[in-house]
Protein backbone atom coordinates (compact mmCIF):
# COMPACT_ATOMS: atom_id res chain seq x y z
CA MET A 1 46.25 -14.12 -75.96
CA VAL A 2 46.39 -17.03 -73.60
CA ASP A 3 49.49 -17.43 -71.44
CA PRO A 4 51.67 -19.86 -73.48
CA THR A 5 52.49 -21.84 -70.33
CA SER A 6 48.83 -22.47 -69.48
CA ASP A 7 46.76 -25.44 -70.51
CA LEU A 8 44.25 -24.65 -73.24
CA GLY A 9 40.85 -25.79 -72.09
CA ASP A 10 37.37 -25.81 -73.55
CA ASP A 11 36.73 -22.30 -72.24
CA VAL A 12 39.11 -20.58 -74.70
CA SER A 13 37.35 -18.79 -77.54
CA GLU A 14 38.79 -18.53 -81.05
CA ASP A 15 39.32 -14.80 -80.45
CA ASP A 16 41.51 -15.47 -77.40
CA ALA A 17 43.23 -18.63 -78.62
CA PRO A 18 46.77 -18.61 -79.97
CA THR A 19 47.18 -19.08 -83.73
CA CYS A 20 49.21 -21.87 -85.28
CA ARG A 21 52.42 -20.39 -86.66
CA THR A 22 52.27 -22.72 -89.70
CA CYS A 23 48.63 -22.96 -90.81
CA GLU A 24 47.36 -19.82 -88.99
CA GLU A 25 44.30 -21.64 -87.56
CA PRO A 26 43.20 -20.75 -84.00
CA ILE A 27 44.24 -23.46 -81.55
CA VAL A 28 41.15 -24.28 -79.51
CA SER A 29 40.98 -27.44 -77.38
CA SER A 30 43.74 -29.16 -79.30
CA PRO A 31 45.16 -32.14 -77.39
CA ASN A 32 48.22 -32.03 -79.68
CA HIS A 33 49.03 -28.33 -79.18
CA ARG A 34 52.78 -27.66 -79.22
CA VAL A 35 54.66 -24.55 -78.09
CA ILE A 36 58.33 -23.72 -78.48
CA THR A 37 60.10 -20.82 -76.80
CA TRP A 38 63.43 -19.11 -77.34
CA ILE A 39 65.34 -15.96 -76.38
CA GLU A 40 65.86 -13.32 -79.07
CA ASP A 41 67.27 -9.84 -78.38
CA ASP A 42 66.88 -10.46 -74.63
CA GLN A 43 63.15 -11.15 -75.07
CA VAL A 44 61.29 -14.43 -74.67
CA GLN A 45 59.62 -15.46 -77.93
CA SER A 46 57.17 -18.29 -78.47
CA ALA A 47 55.46 -20.07 -81.35
CA HIS A 48 52.28 -22.15 -81.11
CA PHE A 49 51.43 -25.09 -83.36
CA CYS A 50 48.26 -27.18 -83.87
CA ASP A 51 50.20 -30.41 -83.71
CA GLU A 52 53.59 -31.98 -84.30
CA ASP A 53 53.09 -31.99 -88.11
CA CYS A 54 52.69 -28.19 -88.19
CA ARG A 55 55.64 -27.89 -85.80
CA GLN A 56 57.82 -29.94 -88.13
CA ARG A 57 56.79 -27.89 -91.20
CA TRP A 58 57.68 -24.56 -89.54
CA ASN A 59 60.80 -23.04 -91.06
CA GLY A 60 61.71 -20.94 -88.03
CA THR A 61 60.61 -17.55 -89.34
CA GLN A 62 57.89 -15.26 -88.15
């Protein structure tokens, strides 16, 4: 998994790319990639999204 704070460049393969939490597609070279983070049970959690549309459709569950 790629560090969620890093930029995703052209050198990220589908195997190493994060997966969109909504549509489950690998996020490779997406200029509209979105990430949200939160604290849960004293652990940092994050969710990746292809774009703002997928981010808006996410219901907040795993």
